[in-house]
N, C-alpha and C. Protein backbone atom coordinates (compact mmCIF):
# COMPACT_ATOMS: atom_id res chain seq x y z
N MET A 1 12.43 -10.73 24.79
CA MET A 1 13.02 -10.55 23.49
C MET A 1 14.31 -9.74 23.64
N ASN A 2 15.32 -10.10 22.90
CA ASN A 2 16.59 -9.40 22.90
C ASN A 2 16.37 -7.96 22.45
N LYS A 3 16.89 -6.99 23.21
CA LYS A 3 16.65 -5.59 22.88
C LYS A 3 17.30 -5.17 21.56
N ASN A 4 18.25 -5.95 21.04
CA ASN A 4 18.91 -5.62 19.79
C ASN A 4 18.23 -6.25 18.58
N LEU A 5 17.17 -7.01 18.80
CA LEU A 5 16.47 -7.64 17.68
C LEU A 5 15.17 -6.88 17.40
N VAL A 6 14.99 -6.51 16.17
CA VAL A 6 13.77 -5.84 15.73
C VAL A 6 13.21 -6.65 14.59
N ASP A 7 11.91 -6.91 14.61
CA ASP A 7 11.28 -7.62 13.51
C ASP A 7 11.19 -6.67 12.32
N TYR A 8 12.20 -6.69 11.48
CA TYR A 8 12.28 -5.78 10.35
C TYR A 8 11.39 -6.22 9.20
N CYS A 9 11.01 -7.49 9.17
CA CYS A 9 10.23 -8.01 8.04
C CYS A 9 8.80 -7.50 8.02
N SER A 10 8.15 -7.44 9.14
CA SER A 10 6.72 -7.13 9.13
C SER A 10 6.38 -5.72 8.66
N PRO A 11 7.19 -4.67 8.94
CA PRO A 11 6.76 -3.35 8.49
C PRO A 11 7.06 -3.04 7.02
N VAL A 12 7.80 -3.88 6.32
CA VAL A 12 8.05 -3.63 4.90
C VAL A 12 6.74 -3.88 4.15
N PHE A 13 6.38 -2.96 3.25
CA PHE A 13 5.13 -3.14 2.53
C PHE A 13 5.27 -2.64 1.10
N LYS A 14 4.27 -2.95 0.28
CA LYS A 14 4.30 -2.61 -1.15
C LYS A 14 2.94 -2.09 -1.56
N PHE A 15 2.95 -1.13 -2.49
CA PHE A 15 1.72 -0.59 -3.06
C PHE A 15 1.85 -0.52 -4.57
N PRO A 16 0.77 -0.83 -5.29
CA PRO A 16 0.77 -0.66 -6.74
C PRO A 16 0.35 0.76 -7.10
N TYR A 17 0.75 1.19 -8.27
CA TYR A 17 0.27 2.46 -8.81
C TYR A 17 0.29 2.38 -10.32
N GLU A 18 -0.45 3.28 -10.96
CA GLU A 18 -0.52 3.29 -12.43
C GLU A 18 0.04 4.58 -12.96
N ARG A 19 0.82 4.45 -14.02
CA ARG A 19 1.38 5.60 -14.73
C ARG A 19 1.41 5.28 -16.21
N ASP A 20 1.01 6.20 -17.02
CA ASP A 20 1.08 6.04 -18.47
C ASP A 20 0.43 4.74 -18.96
N GLY A 21 -0.65 4.33 -18.28
CA GLY A 21 -1.38 3.13 -18.68
C GLY A 21 -0.74 1.82 -18.25
N PHE A 22 0.35 1.88 -17.47
CA PHE A 22 1.01 0.68 -16.98
C PHE A 22 0.92 0.61 -15.47
N ARG A 23 0.93 -0.60 -14.94
CA ARG A 23 0.88 -0.80 -13.50
C ARG A 23 2.28 -1.07 -12.98
N PHE A 24 2.66 -0.36 -11.91
CA PHE A 24 3.97 -0.50 -11.29
C PHE A 24 3.80 -0.72 -9.79
N TYR A 25 4.90 -0.97 -9.11
CA TYR A 25 4.89 -1.17 -7.67
C TYR A 25 5.99 -0.36 -7.02
N ALA A 26 5.76 0.02 -5.79
CA ALA A 26 6.79 0.64 -4.97
C ALA A 26 6.82 -0.12 -3.65
N THR A 27 8.02 -0.41 -3.16
CA THR A 27 8.16 -1.05 -1.85
C THR A 27 8.70 -0.02 -0.86
N PHE A 28 8.28 -0.17 0.37
CA PHE A 28 8.58 0.79 1.44
C PHE A 28 9.28 0.06 2.58
N HIS A 29 10.47 0.51 2.90
CA HIS A 29 11.29 -0.15 3.91
C HIS A 29 11.64 0.87 5.01
N PRO A 30 11.09 0.70 6.21
CA PRO A 30 11.43 1.63 7.30
C PRO A 30 12.91 1.50 7.64
N GLU A 31 13.56 2.64 7.83
CA GLU A 31 14.97 2.64 8.19
C GLU A 31 15.13 2.37 9.68
N ILE A 32 16.08 1.52 10.00
CA ILE A 32 16.37 1.19 11.40
C ILE A 32 17.78 1.69 11.71
N VAL A 33 17.93 2.34 12.86
CA VAL A 33 19.23 2.85 13.30
C VAL A 33 19.52 2.39 14.72
N ARG A 34 20.80 2.33 15.04
CA ARG A 34 21.21 1.97 16.40
C ARG A 34 21.19 3.23 17.25
N GLN A 35 20.47 3.18 18.35
CA GLN A 35 20.38 4.31 19.28
C GLN A 35 21.63 4.35 20.17
N GLY A 36 21.78 5.41 20.92
CA GLY A 36 22.92 5.57 21.81
C GLY A 36 23.05 4.47 22.84
N ASP A 37 21.94 3.88 23.26
CA ASP A 37 21.98 2.80 24.26
C ASP A 37 22.20 1.43 23.63
N GLY A 38 22.41 1.40 22.31
CA GLY A 38 22.66 0.14 21.62
C GLY A 38 21.41 -0.52 21.06
N CYS A 39 20.25 0.00 21.40
CA CYS A 39 19.00 -0.58 20.89
C CYS A 39 18.78 -0.13 19.44
N LEU A 40 18.11 -0.97 18.69
CA LEU A 40 17.72 -0.62 17.33
C LEU A 40 16.32 -0.03 17.37
N ASN A 41 16.10 0.98 16.55
CA ASN A 41 14.79 1.60 16.51
C ASN A 41 14.54 2.19 15.13
N PHE A 42 13.29 2.41 14.79
CA PHE A 42 12.93 3.01 13.51
C PHE A 42 13.24 4.50 13.54
N SER A 43 13.83 5.00 12.45
CA SER A 43 14.25 6.41 12.39
C SER A 43 13.16 7.37 11.94
N GLY A 44 12.11 6.86 11.29
CA GLY A 44 11.09 7.72 10.70
C GLY A 44 11.34 7.97 9.22
N ARG A 45 12.49 7.55 8.74
CA ARG A 45 12.84 7.69 7.32
C ARG A 45 12.55 6.36 6.63
N TYR A 46 12.17 6.41 5.37
CA TYR A 46 11.84 5.20 4.61
C TYR A 46 12.72 5.10 3.37
N PHE A 47 13.16 3.90 3.07
CA PHE A 47 13.87 3.59 1.85
C PHE A 47 12.83 3.08 0.86
N ILE A 48 12.72 3.73 -0.30
CA ILE A 48 11.72 3.39 -1.30
C ILE A 48 12.41 2.79 -2.52
N VAL A 49 11.83 1.71 -3.02
CA VAL A 49 12.25 1.16 -4.31
C VAL A 49 11.01 1.22 -5.20
N ALA A 50 11.10 2.02 -6.26
CA ALA A 50 9.95 2.24 -7.12
C ALA A 50 10.28 1.86 -8.56
N LEU A 51 9.41 1.06 -9.14
CA LEU A 51 9.49 0.79 -10.57
C LEU A 51 8.69 1.88 -11.27
N THR A 52 9.26 2.46 -12.32
CA THR A 52 8.60 3.54 -13.05
C THR A 52 8.73 3.27 -14.54
N PRO A 53 8.06 4.05 -15.36
CA PRO A 53 8.24 3.88 -16.81
C PRO A 53 9.69 4.10 -17.25
N ASN A 54 10.47 4.82 -16.42
CA ASN A 54 11.87 5.11 -16.75
C ASN A 54 12.85 4.15 -16.10
N GLY A 55 12.38 3.14 -15.39
CA GLY A 55 13.26 2.19 -14.73
C GLY A 55 13.04 2.16 -13.23
N GLN A 56 13.98 1.54 -12.54
CA GLN A 56 13.90 1.39 -11.08
C GLN A 56 14.62 2.55 -10.40
N TYR A 57 13.97 3.11 -9.38
CA TYR A 57 14.57 4.19 -8.60
C TYR A 57 14.59 3.80 -7.13
N ARG A 58 15.68 4.18 -6.46
CA ARG A 58 15.84 3.92 -5.03
C ARG A 58 16.16 5.25 -4.36
N PHE A 59 15.42 5.55 -3.31
CA PHE A 59 15.64 6.82 -2.61
C PHE A 59 15.04 6.74 -1.21
N HIS A 60 15.39 7.68 -0.37
CA HIS A 60 14.85 7.79 0.98
C HIS A 60 13.87 8.96 1.03
N ILE A 61 12.84 8.85 1.85
CA ILE A 61 11.99 10.00 2.13
C ILE A 61 11.78 10.10 3.63
N SER A 62 11.55 11.32 4.08
CA SER A 62 11.24 11.59 5.48
C SER A 62 10.47 12.90 5.52
N ARG A 63 9.97 13.21 6.68
CA ARG A 63 9.24 14.47 6.85
C ARG A 63 10.22 15.58 7.20
N ASN A 64 9.97 16.76 6.64
CA ASN A 64 10.77 17.91 7.03
C ASN A 64 10.13 18.56 8.26
N GLY A 65 10.67 19.65 8.72
CA GLY A 65 10.15 20.32 9.91
C GLY A 65 8.71 20.78 9.78
N GLY A 66 8.26 21.02 8.54
CA GLY A 66 6.88 21.44 8.30
C GLY A 66 5.91 20.29 8.12
N GLY A 67 6.41 19.05 8.19
CA GLY A 67 5.55 17.89 8.05
C GLY A 67 5.38 17.38 6.63
N ASP A 68 6.06 18.04 5.65
CA ASP A 68 5.97 17.59 4.26
C ASP A 68 6.95 16.45 4.01
N TRP A 69 6.63 15.58 3.07
CA TRP A 69 7.52 14.49 2.69
C TRP A 69 8.54 15.02 1.68
N ILE A 70 9.81 14.76 1.95
CA ILE A 70 10.89 15.22 1.08
C ILE A 70 11.91 14.10 0.89
N SER A 71 12.73 14.27 -0.13
CA SER A 71 13.83 13.34 -0.37
C SER A 71 15.07 14.15 -0.72
N HIS A 72 16.19 13.79 -0.09
CA HIS A 72 17.46 14.46 -0.39
C HIS A 72 18.29 13.67 -1.39
N ASP A 73 17.88 12.43 -1.67
CA ASP A 73 18.70 11.60 -2.56
C ASP A 73 17.92 11.01 -3.75
N ALA A 74 16.72 11.52 -4.00
CA ALA A 74 15.96 11.04 -5.15
C ALA A 74 16.59 11.57 -6.44
N ASP A 75 16.58 10.75 -7.46
CA ASP A 75 17.07 11.15 -8.77
C ASP A 75 16.28 12.36 -9.26
N ALA A 76 16.91 13.21 -10.02
CA ALA A 76 16.25 14.41 -10.54
C ALA A 76 15.03 14.06 -11.39
N LYS A 77 14.99 12.84 -11.95
CA LYS A 77 13.86 12.41 -12.76
C LYS A 77 12.65 12.01 -11.91
N MET A 78 12.86 11.82 -10.61
CA MET A 78 11.76 11.43 -9.72
C MET A 78 10.95 12.68 -9.39
N ASP A 79 9.72 12.73 -9.85
CA ASP A 79 8.93 13.94 -9.67
C ASP A 79 8.37 14.06 -8.26
N ALA A 80 8.05 15.29 -7.90
CA ALA A 80 7.53 15.59 -6.56
C ALA A 80 6.22 14.87 -6.29
N ASP A 81 5.41 14.65 -7.34
CA ASP A 81 4.15 13.93 -7.16
C ASP A 81 4.39 12.50 -6.67
N MET A 82 5.43 11.87 -7.17
CA MET A 82 5.74 10.50 -6.75
C MET A 82 6.20 10.48 -5.29
N ILE A 83 6.99 11.44 -4.91
CA ILE A 83 7.44 11.51 -3.51
C ILE A 83 6.24 11.75 -2.60
N GLN A 84 5.34 12.63 -3.01
CA GLN A 84 4.12 12.88 -2.22
C GLN A 84 3.26 11.62 -2.16
N TRP A 85 3.12 10.92 -3.29
CA TRP A 85 2.33 9.69 -3.32
C TRP A 85 2.93 8.67 -2.33
N CYS A 86 4.25 8.55 -2.32
CA CYS A 86 4.90 7.63 -1.38
C CYS A 86 4.59 8.01 0.06
N GLY A 87 4.67 9.30 0.37
CA GLY A 87 4.35 9.76 1.72
C GLY A 87 2.92 9.44 2.11
N GLU A 88 1.99 9.61 1.19
CA GLU A 88 0.58 9.30 1.47
C GLU A 88 0.39 7.81 1.71
N ARG A 89 1.12 6.96 0.99
CA ARG A 89 1.01 5.51 1.21
C ARG A 89 1.54 5.15 2.60
N ILE A 90 2.63 5.79 3.00
CA ILE A 90 3.18 5.54 4.34
C ILE A 90 2.17 5.96 5.39
N GLU A 91 1.59 7.14 5.22
CA GLU A 91 0.59 7.62 6.18
C GLU A 91 -0.60 6.68 6.27
N SER A 92 -1.07 6.19 5.13
CA SER A 92 -2.23 5.28 5.14
C SER A 92 -1.87 3.98 5.83
N ARG A 93 -0.67 3.50 5.64
CA ARG A 93 -0.23 2.24 6.26
C ARG A 93 -0.09 2.41 7.77
N VAL A 94 0.50 3.52 8.19
CA VAL A 94 0.70 3.78 9.61
C VAL A 94 -0.64 3.98 10.31
N ASP A 95 -1.58 4.69 9.65
CA ASP A 95 -2.90 4.92 10.23
C ASP A 95 -3.67 3.61 10.42
N ARG A 96 -3.44 2.62 9.54
CA ARG A 96 -4.16 1.34 9.67
C ARG A 96 -3.62 0.51 10.82
N ASN A 97 -2.36 0.70 11.15
CA ASN A 97 -1.73 -0.14 12.20
C ASN A 97 -1.80 0.51 13.50
């Protein structure tokens, strides 16, 4: 297999969740970056697209030095519980694979 090709499709996943009596979905997209040797690899950061009662939100999450899930670009309306929920879904998905 070509070292510059990564199967980006298979790790993308989606989870449903309920808020305010409605069912929504969030999709999880692992971030891929080019390494110094030219190879593509997963960075450990995830791009999230979440439908919420307030509309669609797009943001990245990753672990901080203490192992907690954080986001530096989430909208101020995106609550910490949702970011934590996203991190838990990532952990459950990674643990299954």
